[in-house]
N, C-alpha and C. Protein backbone atom coordinates (compact mmCIF):
# COMPACT_ATOMS: atom_id res chain seq x y z
N MET A 1 60.33 -34.93 65.22
CA MET A 1 59.56 -35.55 64.34
C MET A 1 60.18 -36.39 63.54
N LYS A 2 60.01 -37.86 63.60
CA LYS A 2 60.78 -38.90 63.12
C LYS A 2 60.58 -38.79 61.69
N THR A 3 61.62 -39.08 60.89
CA THR A 3 61.64 -38.86 59.46
C THR A 3 60.66 -40.14 59.00
N LYS A 4 60.67 -41.28 59.46
CA LYS A 4 60.09 -42.41 58.60
C LYS A 4 58.47 -41.90 58.84
N LYS A 5 57.90 -41.10 59.65
CA LYS A 5 56.59 -40.92 59.85
C LYS A 5 56.26 -39.88 58.86
N LEU A 6 57.00 -39.30 58.23
CA LEU A 6 56.70 -38.17 57.18
C LEU A 6 56.23 -38.29 55.80
N ASN A 7 56.35 -39.73 55.43
CA ASN A 7 56.27 -40.01 54.13
C ASN A 7 54.97 -39.49 53.53
N ILE A 8 53.77 -40.11 54.27
CA ILE A 8 52.44 -39.53 53.93
C ILE A 8 52.16 -38.24 53.79
N HIS A 9 52.58 -37.51 55.00
CA HIS A 9 52.53 -36.04 55.26
C HIS A 9 53.16 -35.21 54.05
N ILE A 10 54.37 -35.74 53.56
CA ILE A 10 55.17 -35.04 52.40
C ILE A 10 54.21 -35.46 51.11
N ALA A 11 53.80 -36.60 51.02
CA ALA A 11 53.04 -37.01 49.77
C ALA A 11 51.82 -35.85 49.64
N LEU A 12 51.01 -35.84 50.67
CA LEU A 12 49.95 -34.92 50.41
C LEU A 12 50.27 -33.41 50.58
N LEU A 13 51.48 -33.16 51.03
CA LEU A 13 51.82 -31.74 50.94
C LEU A 13 52.15 -31.41 49.27
N VAL A 14 52.95 -32.29 48.75
CA VAL A 14 53.15 -32.24 47.37
C VAL A 14 51.93 -32.21 46.65
N PHE A 15 50.97 -33.01 46.86
CA PHE A 15 49.56 -33.08 46.14
C PHE A 15 48.80 -31.74 46.47
N TYR A 16 48.75 -31.20 47.54
CA TYR A 16 48.02 -29.92 47.64
C TYR A 16 48.98 -28.71 47.09
N LEU A 17 50.08 -28.62 47.34
CA LEU A 17 50.84 -27.52 47.11
C LEU A 17 51.06 -27.27 45.78
N VAL A 18 51.22 -28.13 44.99
CA VAL A 18 51.78 -27.92 43.47
C VAL A 18 50.57 -27.07 42.78
N GLY A 19 49.23 -27.42 43.14
CA GLY A 19 48.23 -26.93 42.63
C GLY A 19 48.00 -25.38 42.75
N ILE A 20 48.75 -25.01 43.86
CA ILE A 20 48.62 -23.60 44.13
C ILE A 20 49.79 -22.83 44.33
N ILE A 21 50.89 -23.47 44.17
CA ILE A 21 52.36 -22.79 44.38
C ILE A 21 52.49 -21.56 43.34
N LEU A 22 51.96 -21.85 42.05
CA LEU A 22 52.41 -20.61 41.44
C LEU A 22 51.35 -19.48 41.57
N CYS A 23 50.39 -19.54 42.53
CA CYS A 23 49.58 -18.44 42.85
C CYS A 23 50.10 -17.67 43.95
N THR A 24 51.23 -18.20 44.69
CA THR A 24 51.86 -17.60 45.75
C THR A 24 53.11 -17.11 45.40
N SER A 25 53.59 -16.10 46.25
CA SER A 25 54.95 -15.71 46.27
C SER A 25 55.87 -16.95 47.01
N CYS A 26 56.61 -16.65 46.04
CA CYS A 26 57.40 -17.88 46.52
C CYS A 26 57.06 -17.68 47.10
N THR A 27 56.49 -25.14 61.83
CA THR A 27 57.23 -26.11 62.64
C THR A 27 56.55 -27.04 63.74
N ASP A 28 57.08 -27.59 63.49
CA ASP A 28 56.38 -28.35 64.52
C ASP A 28 55.71 -27.28 65.55
N GLU A 29 54.57 -27.58 66.05
CA GLU A 29 53.86 -26.64 66.98
C GLU A 29 54.51 -26.69 68.17
N LYS A 30 55.34 -27.89 68.80
CA LYS A 30 56.12 -27.90 69.71
C LYS A 30 57.48 -27.36 69.57
N THR A 31 57.74 -27.10 68.25
CA THR A 31 59.20 -26.38 68.20
C THR A 31 58.96 -25.10 67.27
N PRO A 32 58.64 -24.19 68.02
CA PRO A 32 58.36 -22.84 67.34
C PRO A 32 59.57 -22.25 66.64
N VAL A 33 59.50 -21.45 65.69
CA VAL A 33 60.60 -20.78 65.15
C VAL A 33 61.22 -20.02 65.91
N PRO A 34 62.59 -20.38 66.07
CA PRO A 34 63.49 -19.79 67.14
C PRO A 34 63.68 -18.43 66.73
N THR A 35 63.89 -17.38 67.91
CA THR A 35 64.08 -16.01 67.50
C THR A 35 65.05 -15.38 68.43
N ASN A 36 65.61 -14.26 68.07
CA ASN A 36 66.68 -13.65 69.05
C ASN A 36 66.26 -12.30 69.25
N PRO A 37 65.55 -12.00 70.27
CA PRO A 37 64.88 -10.74 70.34
C PRO A 37 65.74 -9.59 70.86
N ASP A 38 67.06 -9.93 71.11
CA ASP A 38 67.90 -8.99 71.44
C ASP A 38 69.12 -8.47 70.40
N SER A 39 68.87 -9.09 69.28
CA SER A 39 69.74 -8.92 68.20
C SER A 39 69.47 -7.37 67.70
N ILE A 40 68.37 -6.96 67.83
CA ILE A 40 68.11 -5.59 67.11
C ILE A 40 66.99 -4.96 68.17
N PRO A 41 67.32 -3.68 68.40
CA PRO A 41 66.41 -3.05 69.63
C PRO A 41 64.96 -2.87 69.01
N PRO A 42 64.07 -3.07 69.89
CA PRO A 42 62.57 -2.91 69.35
C PRO A 42 62.42 -1.62 68.84
N LYS A 43 61.43 -1.57 67.77
CA LYS A 43 61.64 -0.49 66.85
C LYS A 43 59.83 -0.32 66.41
N LYS A 44 59.26 0.81 66.66
CA LYS A 44 57.95 1.05 66.28
C LYS A 44 57.69 1.63 64.90
N GLU A 45 56.86 1.17 64.14
CA GLU A 45 56.57 1.94 62.84
C GLU A 45 55.05 1.37 62.52
N MET A 46 54.39 2.50 62.61
CA MET A 46 53.13 2.44 62.22
C MET A 46 52.12 1.42 63.05
N GLY A 47 52.48 1.12 64.43
CA GLY A 47 51.76 0.45 65.49
C GLY A 47 52.63 -0.94 65.40
N TYR A 48 53.42 -1.23 64.39
CA TYR A 48 53.93 -2.60 64.51
C TYR A 48 55.51 -2.36 65.10
N GLN A 49 55.97 -3.38 66.05
CA GLN A 49 57.35 -3.32 66.61
C GLN A 49 58.03 -4.69 66.59
N ILE A 50 59.10 -4.91 66.74
CA ILE A 50 59.87 -5.94 66.80
C ILE A 50 59.67 -6.84 68.19
N SER A 51 59.18 -7.91 68.07
CA SER A 51 58.66 -8.55 69.49
C SER A 51 59.74 -8.75 70.35
N LYS A 52 59.70 -8.80 71.66
CA LYS A 52 60.40 -9.27 72.56
C LYS A 52 60.43 -10.79 73.15
N ASP A 53 59.26 -11.23 72.72
CA ASP A 53 59.14 -12.56 73.06
C ASP A 53 59.56 -13.62 72.06
N PRO A 54 60.37 -14.42 72.67
CA PRO A 54 61.11 -15.49 71.70
C PRO A 54 60.41 -16.68 71.20
N VAL A 55 59.31 -16.56 71.51
CA VAL A 55 58.27 -17.82 70.88
C VAL A 55 57.27 -17.17 69.94
N VAL A 56 57.17 -17.86 68.99
CA VAL A 56 56.03 -17.47 67.96
C VAL A 56 54.75 -18.27 68.25
N GLY A 57 53.64 -17.30 68.58
CA GLY A 57 52.55 -17.93 68.83
C GLY A 57 51.67 -18.75 67.83
N ASN A 58 50.72 -19.52 68.05
CA ASN A 58 49.88 -20.16 66.89
C ASN A 58 48.49 -19.48 66.71
N GLY A 59 48.51 -18.37 67.05
CA GLY A 59 47.00 -17.53 66.70
C GLY A 59 46.93 -17.40 65.35
N GLU A 60 45.71 -17.58 64.79
CA GLU A 60 45.65 -17.02 63.45
C GLU A 60 45.87 -15.68 62.82
N GLY A 61 46.58 -15.56 61.54
CA GLY A 61 46.71 -14.36 61.20
C GLY A 61 48.24 -13.87 61.63
N PHE A 62 48.32 -12.36 61.62
CA PHE A 62 49.77 -11.97 62.05
C PHE A 62 50.08 -12.36 63.31
N ALA A 63 51.41 -12.84 63.30
CA ALA A 63 51.80 -13.51 64.66
C ALA A 63 53.01 -12.42 65.22
N GLY A 64 53.45 -11.62 64.71
CA GLY A 64 54.37 -10.65 64.99
C GLY A 64 55.58 -10.39 64.30
N ILE A 65 56.45 -9.61 64.55
CA ILE A 65 57.71 -9.10 63.83
C ILE A 65 58.57 -9.72 64.89
N PHE A 66 59.67 -10.45 64.26
CA PHE A 66 60.65 -11.26 65.04
C PHE A 66 61.85 -11.24 64.41
N ASN A 67 62.96 -11.20 65.34
CA ASN A 67 64.43 -11.18 64.87
C ASN A 67 64.77 -12.69 64.76
N VAL A 68 64.63 -13.38 63.55
CA VAL A 68 65.04 -14.73 63.38
C VAL A 68 66.31 -15.07 63.13
N PRO A 69 67.06 -15.71 63.93
CA PRO A 69 68.29 -16.18 63.70
C PRO A 69 68.69 -17.12 62.45
N GLU A 70 69.94 -17.23 62.22
CA GLU A 70 70.29 -18.23 61.22
C GLU A 70 69.64 -19.72 61.48
N MET A 71 69.30 -20.34 60.31
CA MET A 71 68.55 -21.56 60.67
C MET A 71 69.63 -22.72 59.52
N LEU A 72 69.95 -23.63 60.36
CA LEU A 72 70.73 -24.69 59.61
C LEU A 72 69.56 -25.75 59.09
N ALA A 73 70.06 -26.09 57.80
CA ALA A 73 68.95 -26.88 57.14
C ALA A 73 69.60 -27.85 56.20
N LEU A 74 68.86 -28.94 55.78
CA LEU A 74 69.23 -29.90 54.77
C LEU A 74 68.26 -29.35 53.47
N CYS A 75 68.98 -29.26 52.35
CA CYS A 75 68.14 -28.32 51.35
C CYS A 75 68.41 -29.21 49.99
N VAL A 76 67.28 -29.14 49.12
CA VAL A 76 67.25 -29.42 47.77
C VAL A 76 66.76 -28.39 46.99
N LYS A 77 67.54 -27.72 46.11
CA LYS A 77 67.21 -26.76 45.36
C LYS A 77 66.97 -27.28 44.02
N ASP A 78 65.86 -27.01 43.23
CA ASP A 78 65.54 -27.37 42.07
C ASP A 78 64.73 -26.29 41.05
N SER A 79 64.59 -26.71 39.95
CA SER A 79 63.54 -25.79 39.17
C SER A 79 62.88 -26.54 38.05
N ALA A 80 61.87 -26.13 37.49
CA ALA A 80 60.92 -26.99 36.83
C ALA A 80 59.92 -26.18 36.08
N PRO A 81 59.50 -26.63 34.91
CA PRO A 81 58.27 -25.83 34.37
C PRO A 81 56.98 -26.42 35.23
N GLU A 82 55.89 -25.79 35.10
CA GLU A 82 54.84 -26.00 35.87
C GLU A 82 54.27 -27.17 35.67
N LYS A 83 54.34 -28.08 34.59
CA LYS A 83 53.70 -29.23 34.37
C LYS A 83 54.82 -30.31 35.25
N GLU A 84 56.02 -30.05 35.51
CA GLU A 84 56.73 -30.90 36.21
C GLU A 84 56.75 -30.75 37.61
N LEU A 85 56.19 -29.78 38.14
CA LEU A 85 56.57 -29.49 39.53
C LEU A 85 56.13 -30.45 40.57
N ALA A 86 55.06 -31.20 40.38
CA ALA A 86 54.53 -32.31 41.27
C ALA A 86 55.68 -33.28 41.31
N LEU A 87 56.11 -33.82 40.22
CA LEU A 87 57.07 -34.91 40.28
C LEU A 87 58.34 -34.47 40.99
N ARG A 88 59.00 -32.96 40.73
CA ARG A 88 60.27 -32.30 41.14
C ARG A 88 59.99 -32.23 42.77
N TYR A 89 58.97 -31.86 43.10
CA TYR A 89 58.80 -31.58 44.64
C TYR A 89 58.87 -32.74 45.45
N ALA A 90 58.24 -33.98 44.69
CA ALA A 90 58.10 -35.21 45.29
C ALA A 90 59.65 -35.85 45.44
N GLN A 91 60.23 -35.54 44.27
CA GLN A 91 61.68 -36.06 44.14
C GLN A 91 62.39 -35.38 45.23
N ALA A 92 62.35 -34.00 45.45
CA ALA A 92 63.20 -33.22 46.37
C ALA A 92 62.74 -33.78 47.83
N PHE A 93 61.59 -33.60 48.31
CA PHE A 93 61.39 -34.29 49.54
C PHE A 93 61.80 -35.85 49.96
N THR A 94 61.70 -36.56 49.01
CA THR A 94 62.16 -37.97 48.98
C THR A 94 63.54 -37.84 49.26
N LYS A 95 64.52 -37.08 48.35
CA LYS A 95 65.81 -37.04 48.61
C LYS A 95 66.09 -36.63 50.19
N LEU A 96 65.38 -35.58 50.51
CA LEU A 96 65.55 -35.27 51.86
C LEU A 96 65.31 -36.13 53.03
N GLU A 97 64.26 -36.92 52.73
CA GLU A 97 63.92 -38.09 53.65
C GLU A 97 65.07 -39.10 53.63
N MET A 98 65.48 -39.51 52.62
CA MET A 98 66.57 -40.66 52.33
C MET A 98 67.97 -40.10 53.07
N GLU A 99 68.38 -38.75 52.91
CA GLU A 99 69.36 -38.29 53.44
C GLU A 99 69.36 -38.35 54.99
N LEU A 100 68.38 -37.83 55.34
CA LEU A 100 68.01 -37.86 57.02
C LEU A 100 68.48 -39.36 57.48
N LEU A 101 67.74 -40.25 56.78
CA LEU A 101 67.91 -41.69 57.35
C LEU A 101 69.38 -42.08 57.23
N LYS A 102 70.10 -41.82 55.97
CA LYS A 102 71.39 -42.02 55.89
C LYS A 102 72.46 -41.44 56.89
N LEU A 103 71.93 -40.19 57.06
CA LEU A 103 72.84 -39.25 57.93
C LEU A 103 72.39 -39.56 59.44
N GLU A 104 71.30 -40.49 59.75
CA GLU A 104 71.11 -40.90 60.96
C GLU A 104 70.79 -39.52 61.94
N ILE A 105 70.07 -38.75 61.41
CA ILE A 105 69.60 -37.45 62.03
C ILE A 105 68.11 -37.02 61.83
N ASN A 106 67.46 -36.56 62.97
CA ASN A 106 66.17 -36.25 62.61
C ASN A 106 66.18 -34.81 62.27
N SER A 107 64.83 -34.54 61.68
CA SER A 107 64.59 -33.00 61.32
C SER A 107 64.05 -32.51 62.59
N LYS A 108 64.20 -30.97 62.48
CA LYS A 108 64.12 -30.19 63.57
C LYS A 108 62.78 -29.34 63.31
N GLY A 109 61.57 -30.03 63.61
CA GLY A 109 60.35 -29.19 63.11
C GLY A 109 59.83 -29.80 61.99
N SER A 110 59.05 -28.81 61.12
CA SER A 110 58.36 -29.19 60.07
C SER A 110 59.02 -28.91 58.72
N PRO A 111 58.64 -29.83 57.71
CA PRO A 111 59.01 -29.52 56.64
C PRO A 111 58.75 -27.91 55.80
N GLY A 112 59.41 -27.73 55.05
CA GLY A 112 59.53 -26.10 54.57
C GLY A 112 59.79 -26.04 53.01
N SER A 113 59.46 -24.92 52.47
CA SER A 113 59.96 -24.70 51.16
C SER A 113 60.11 -23.18 51.07
N ILE A 114 61.06 -22.83 49.81
CA ILE A 114 61.25 -21.56 49.68
C ILE A 114 61.12 -21.27 48.19
N ALA A 115 60.31 -20.50 47.62
CA ALA A 115 60.09 -20.07 46.35
C ALA A 115 60.90 -19.03 45.74
N TYR A 116 61.57 -18.89 44.71
CA TYR A 116 62.51 -17.73 44.28
C TYR A 116 61.83 -16.92 43.31
N ASN A 117 61.00 -17.57 42.58
CA ASN A 117 60.11 -16.71 41.50
C ASN A 117 58.83 -17.31 41.30
N ASN A 118 58.13 -16.68 40.18
CA ASN A 118 56.88 -16.91 40.04
C ASN A 118 56.50 -17.45 38.54
N ASN A 119 57.55 -17.92 37.96
CA ASN A 119 57.53 -18.14 36.52
C ASN A 119 57.24 -19.59 36.18
N PRO A 120 56.01 -19.68 35.51
CA PRO A 120 55.53 -20.88 35.26
C PRO A 120 56.41 -21.90 34.07
N MET A 121 57.39 -21.23 33.58
CA MET A 121 58.23 -21.78 32.66
C MET A 121 59.45 -22.49 33.06
N ASN A 122 59.81 -21.82 34.19
CA ASN A 122 60.96 -22.21 34.99
C ASN A 122 60.96 -21.92 36.67
N PHE A 123 60.11 -22.40 37.32
CA PHE A 123 59.95 -22.23 38.64
C PHE A 123 61.20 -22.73 39.54
N VAL A 124 61.59 -21.81 40.33
CA VAL A 124 62.91 -22.10 41.10
C VAL A 124 62.46 -22.03 42.66
N PHE A 125 62.97 -23.25 43.25
CA PHE A 125 62.24 -23.51 44.59
C PHE A 125 63.26 -24.35 45.31
N GLU A 126 63.31 -24.40 46.72
CA GLU A 126 63.94 -25.19 47.55
C GLU A 126 62.95 -25.95 48.44
N CYS A 127 63.31 -27.10 48.65
CA CYS A 127 62.60 -27.97 49.67
C CYS A 127 63.67 -28.07 51.02
N ILE A 128 63.12 -27.98 52.22
CA ILE A 128 64.02 -27.83 53.59
C ILE A 128 63.59 -28.72 54.61
N TYR A 129 64.49 -29.11 55.17
CA TYR A 129 64.20 -29.58 56.79
C TYR A 129 65.33 -29.05 57.55
N LEU A 130 64.86 -28.20 58.58
CA LEU A 130 65.74 -27.79 59.60
C LEU A 130 66.37 -28.76 60.35
N ILE A 131 67.62 -28.47 60.64
CA ILE A 131 68.36 -29.56 61.58
C ILE A 131 69.27 -28.97 62.59
N ASP A 132 69.55 -29.80 63.62
CA ASP A 132 70.11 -29.27 64.92
C ASP A 132 71.52 -28.83 64.65
N SER A 133 72.10 -29.68 63.93
CA SER A 133 73.69 -29.55 63.75
C SER A 133 74.30 -29.97 62.40
N ILE A 134 75.31 -29.84 62.16
CA ILE A 134 76.03 -30.12 60.96
C ILE A 134 76.38 -31.59 60.89
N PRO A 135 75.82 -32.30 59.88
CA PRO A 135 75.88 -33.72 59.93
C PRO A 135 77.41 -34.37 59.91
N LYS A 136 77.63 -35.46 60.58
CA LYS A 136 79.10 -35.85 60.75
C LYS A 136 79.38 -36.37 59.13
N LYS A 137 78.38 -37.02 58.58
CA LYS A 137 78.62 -37.39 57.20
C LYS A 137 78.37 -36.30 56.09
N GLN A 138 78.97 -36.38 54.95
CA GLN A 138 78.60 -35.67 54.08
C GLN A 138 77.48 -36.03 53.26
N PRO A 139 76.28 -35.21 53.08
CA PRO A 139 75.03 -35.71 52.32
C PRO A 139 75.59 -35.81 50.80
N LYS A 140 74.99 -36.47 49.98
CA LYS A 140 75.28 -36.91 48.78
C LYS A 140 74.04 -36.11 47.80
N ASP A 141 73.04 -36.17 48.14
CA ASP A 141 71.91 -35.81 47.41
C ASP A 141 71.16 -34.41 47.57
N CYS A 142 71.90 -33.78 48.80
CA CYS A 142 71.21 -32.47 49.18
C CYS A 142 72.30 -31.59 49.67
N GLN A 143 72.23 -30.39 50.18
CA GLN A 143 73.11 -29.53 50.65
C GLN A 143 72.70 -29.17 52.11
N VAL A 144 73.89 -28.80 52.95
CA VAL A 144 73.52 -28.33 54.25
C VAL A 144 73.76 -26.95 54.04
N VAL A 145 72.86 -26.08 54.43
CA VAL A 145 72.75 -24.60 54.15
C VAL A 145 72.44 -23.79 55.49
N VAL A 146 72.93 -22.69 55.51
CA VAL A 146 72.32 -21.72 56.62
C VAL A 146 71.57 -20.71 55.94
N LEU A 147 70.39 -20.67 56.40
CA LEU A 147 69.09 -19.68 55.82
C LEU A 147 69.64 -18.40 56.79
N GLU A 148 70.02 -17.34 56.12
CA GLU A 148 70.34 -16.11 56.90
C GLU A 148 69.36 -15.50 57.95
N ALA A 149 70.13 -14.93 58.95
CA ALA A 149 69.20 -14.35 59.99
C ALA A 149 68.28 -13.12 59.21
N SER A 150 67.20 -12.74 59.68
CA SER A 150 66.48 -11.72 59.31
C SER A 150 65.42 -11.38 60.11
N THR A 151 65.13 -10.12 60.02
CA THR A 151 63.95 -9.63 60.61
C THR A 151 62.52 -10.15 60.02
N MET A 152 61.74 -10.89 60.54
CA MET A 152 60.54 -11.52 59.72
C MET A 152 59.55 -11.13 60.38
N TYR A 153 58.51 -11.00 59.20
CA TYR A 153 56.97 -10.77 59.43
C TYR A 153 56.56 -12.18 59.43
N ILE A 154 55.80 -12.50 60.57
CA ILE A 154 55.42 -13.95 60.54
C ILE A 154 53.74 -14.02 60.62
N TYR A 155 53.35 -14.81 59.82
CA TYR A 155 51.92 -15.11 59.51
C TYR A 155 51.58 -16.31 59.53
N ASN A 156 50.55 -16.66 60.48
CA ASN A 156 49.93 -18.12 60.51
C ASN A 156 48.62 -18.17 59.71
N PHE A 157 48.67 -19.09 58.94
CA PHE A 157 47.45 -19.20 58.00
C PHE A 157 46.89 -20.75 58.37
N TYR A 158 45.54 -21.00 58.67
CA TYR A 158 44.91 -21.97 58.88
C TYR A 158 44.05 -22.38 57.68
N GLY A 159 44.05 -23.51 57.35
CA GLY A 159 43.13 -23.85 56.11
C GLY A 159 43.76 -24.71 55.05
N GLU A 160 43.03 -25.07 54.03
CA GLU A 160 43.73 -25.80 52.86
C GLU A 160 44.84 -25.27 52.32
N TYR A 161 45.76 -25.92 51.72
CA TYR A 161 46.85 -25.30 51.03
C TYR A 161 46.50 -24.59 49.82
N LYS A 162 45.36 -25.05 49.38
CA LYS A 162 44.89 -24.46 47.92
C LYS A 162 44.47 -22.88 48.17
N ASN A 163 44.14 -22.55 49.52
CA ASN A 163 43.84 -21.25 49.94
C ASN A 163 44.92 -20.38 50.56
N LEU A 164 46.10 -20.73 50.45
CA LEU A 164 47.25 -19.94 50.76
C LEU A 164 47.28 -18.56 50.21
N TYR A 165 46.67 -18.18 48.86
CA TYR A 165 46.66 -17.10 48.30
C TYR A 165 46.03 -16.11 49.11
N LEU A 166 45.17 -16.63 49.95
CA LEU A 166 44.40 -15.55 50.86
C LEU A 166 45.49 -14.98 51.90
N ALA A 167 46.30 -15.81 52.36
CA ALA A 167 47.07 -15.22 53.34
C ALA A 167 48.34 -14.34 52.53
N TYR A 168 48.51 -14.59 51.30
CA TYR A 168 49.54 -13.82 50.53
C TYR A 168 48.86 -12.47 50.28
N GLU A 169 47.63 -12.42 50.00
CA GLU A 169 46.83 -11.15 49.64
C GLU A 169 46.77 -10.37 50.98
N GLN A 170 46.46 -10.85 52.13
CA GLN A 170 46.72 -10.35 53.17
C GLN A 170 47.92 -9.56 53.90
N ILE A 171 49.09 -10.64 53.56
CA ILE A 171 50.43 -10.05 53.91
C ILE A 171 50.70 -8.83 52.85
N LYS A 172 50.48 -8.83 51.79
CA LYS A 172 50.90 -8.01 50.86
C LYS A 172 50.16 -6.69 51.32
N ASP A 173 48.96 -6.53 51.75
CA ASP A 173 48.25 -5.28 52.07
C ASP A 173 48.69 -4.83 53.36
N ASP A 174 49.10 -5.98 54.18
CA ASP A 174 49.37 -5.38 55.57
C ASP A 174 50.87 -4.91 55.45
N LEU A 175 51.85 -5.28 54.74
CA LEU A 175 53.07 -4.91 54.58
C LEU A 175 52.93 -3.45 53.96
N LYS A 176 52.10 -3.09 52.98
CA LYS A 176 52.07 -1.84 52.48
C LYS A 176 51.40 -0.73 53.47
N ALA A 177 50.29 -1.54 54.31
CA ALA A 177 49.70 -0.39 55.18
C ALA A 177 50.65 -0.02 56.39
N HIS A 178 51.52 -0.67 56.69
CA HIS A 178 52.62 -0.55 57.75
C HIS A 178 53.88 -0.17 57.22
N HIS A 179 54.12 0.11 56.07
CA HIS A 179 55.28 0.61 55.43
C HIS A 179 56.50 -0.18 55.71
N LEU A 180 56.21 -1.52 55.42
CA LEU A 180 57.21 -2.56 55.46
C LEU A 180 57.58 -3.35 53.93
N GLU A 181 58.95 -3.37 54.08
CA GLU A 181 59.28 -3.85 52.75
C GLU A 181 60.04 -5.29 52.55
N GLN A 182 59.32 -6.19 51.89
CA GLN A 182 59.88 -7.27 51.82
C GLN A 182 61.30 -7.45 51.07
N VAL A 183 62.29 -8.11 51.81
CA VAL A 183 63.77 -7.84 51.10
C VAL A 183 64.26 -9.33 50.88
N GLY A 184 63.43 -10.19 50.78
CA GLY A 184 63.82 -11.55 50.43
C GLY A 184 62.64 -12.51 50.23
N PRO A 185 63.22 -13.86 49.78
CA PRO A 185 62.12 -14.71 49.39
C PRO A 185 61.34 -15.36 50.82
N MET A 186 59.95 -15.49 50.62
CA MET A 186 59.33 -15.96 51.73
C MET A 186 59.64 -17.34 52.05
N ARG A 187 59.42 -17.85 53.23
CA ARG A 187 59.56 -19.16 53.67
C ARG A 187 58.39 -19.72 54.22
N GLU A 188 58.03 -20.93 53.86
CA GLU A 188 56.71 -21.47 54.34
C GLU A 188 57.31 -22.77 55.05
N PHE A 189 56.59 -23.12 56.30
CA PHE A 189 56.76 -24.03 56.94
C PHE A 189 55.21 -24.70 57.16
N TYR A 190 55.33 -26.06 56.98
CA TYR A 190 53.81 -26.78 56.74
C TYR A 190 53.78 -27.60 58.21
N VAL A 191 53.16 -26.83 59.13
CA VAL A 191 53.09 -27.42 60.75
C VAL A 191 52.38 -28.52 60.91
N THR A 192 51.24 -28.47 60.41
CA THR A 192 50.21 -29.60 60.87
C THR A 192 50.42 -30.75 59.69
N ASP A 193 50.36 -31.90 60.32
CA ASP A 193 50.34 -33.06 59.43
C ASP A 193 48.94 -33.42 59.10
N PRO A 194 48.67 -33.52 57.93
CA PRO A 194 47.15 -33.85 57.20
C PRO A 194 46.82 -35.19 57.62
N VAL A 195 47.87 -36.11 57.83
CA VAL A 195 47.29 -37.49 58.21
C VAL A 195 46.74 -37.71 59.57
N ARG A 196 47.41 -36.94 60.48
CA ARG A 196 46.86 -36.75 61.88
C ARG A 196 45.76 -35.98 62.04
N GLU A 197 45.65 -34.88 61.44
CA GLU A 197 44.74 -33.85 61.73
C GLU A 197 43.75 -33.76 60.35
N LYS A 198 42.61 -34.41 60.36
CA LYS A 198 41.83 -34.57 59.26
C LYS A 198 41.07 -33.23 58.83
N ASP A 199 40.77 -32.45 59.90
CA ASP A 199 40.05 -31.14 59.72
C ASP A 199 40.96 -30.20 59.08
N SER A 200 40.67 -29.84 57.73
CA SER A 200 41.58 -28.99 57.13
C SER A 200 41.74 -27.57 57.40
N THR A 201 40.44 -27.20 58.40
CA THR A 201 40.60 -25.87 58.93
C THR A 201 41.61 -25.78 59.95
N GLN A 202 42.25 -26.89 60.39
CA GLN A 202 43.12 -26.79 61.57
C GLN A 202 44.75 -27.01 61.01
N TRP A 203 44.68 -27.03 59.62
CA TRP A 203 46.10 -27.06 59.10
C TRP A 203 46.78 -25.68 59.15
N LEU A 204 48.03 -25.72 59.85
CA LEU A 204 48.62 -24.58 60.14
C LEU A 204 49.91 -24.48 59.04
N THR A 205 49.96 -23.42 58.30
CA THR A 205 51.18 -23.06 57.48
C THR A 205 51.65 -21.78 58.09
N ARG A 206 52.94 -21.81 58.38
CA ARG A 206 53.54 -20.72 59.06
C ARG A 206 54.47 -19.87 57.89
N ILE A 207 54.09 -18.62 57.52
CA ILE A 207 54.89 -18.10 56.64
C ILE A 207 55.74 -16.98 57.10
N LEU A 208 57.00 -17.03 56.74
CA LEU A 208 57.81 -16.00 57.16
C LEU A 208 58.35 -15.11 56.03
N VAL A 209 58.17 -13.77 56.37
CA VAL A 209 58.53 -13.00 55.44
C VAL A 209 59.83 -12.07 55.76
N PRO A 210 60.74 -12.13 55.07
CA PRO A 210 62.01 -11.11 55.62
C PRO A 210 61.65 -9.75 55.15
N ILE A 211 61.77 -8.67 56.25
CA ILE A 211 61.17 -7.42 55.92
C ILE A 211 62.15 -6.40 56.46
N GLN A 212 62.09 -5.10 55.97
CA GLN A 212 62.74 -3.79 56.65
C GLN A 212 61.72 -2.91 56.86
N PHE A 213 61.90 -2.15 57.90
CA PHE A 213 61.20 -0.96 57.92
C PHE A 213 61.51 0.12 57.13
N LYS A 214 60.54 0.88 56.22
CA LYS A 214 60.83 1.84 55.25
C LYS A 214 61.23 2.98 56.08
N LYS A 215 61.95 3.76 55.55
CA LYS A 215 62.12 5.01 56.24
C LYS A 215 61.33 6.10 55.72
């Protein structure tokens, strides 16, 4: 996905996401989330088991539990009160796009974000782009980070971003029902470009929840 084509996509994401982001906890369809099915032996727990399939499907709802390897990313981490979130998100994604151009690299897949709390007075978040390799140049306005490997519960949500809370309600209930425990901040990847796909019912947001099986 070329960086220069993402500007309107990001603008729409910021517009839609900021209105709903405090209601939630904190890839490109041709570039699915990479997985490493051999790192942990398959384990059953209340009907769920770690998938041996290395590709995450695009079916709606629960997509499976996967051993997701480390992810290399460009990241802008920031915090802001609720009233400033729209501006800060826009600034973060703009910085990332500019850095991609300066570094002469392309993003790997879809834009994403990670929310670390749900405090309207000081909301802490990261905006990210996955990349293939460490840039040859040192970025000035963002950081190169490695998102840690984890066993992930993955959920595909189709619909407007303002309705993402429905996915989080379902995820919360599902984790509880299957004795799974969230062990880190959720990651969201905004797979569908709203500029190209006008039908909001086809907008795919892929949610990754780091989990462990309760004993």
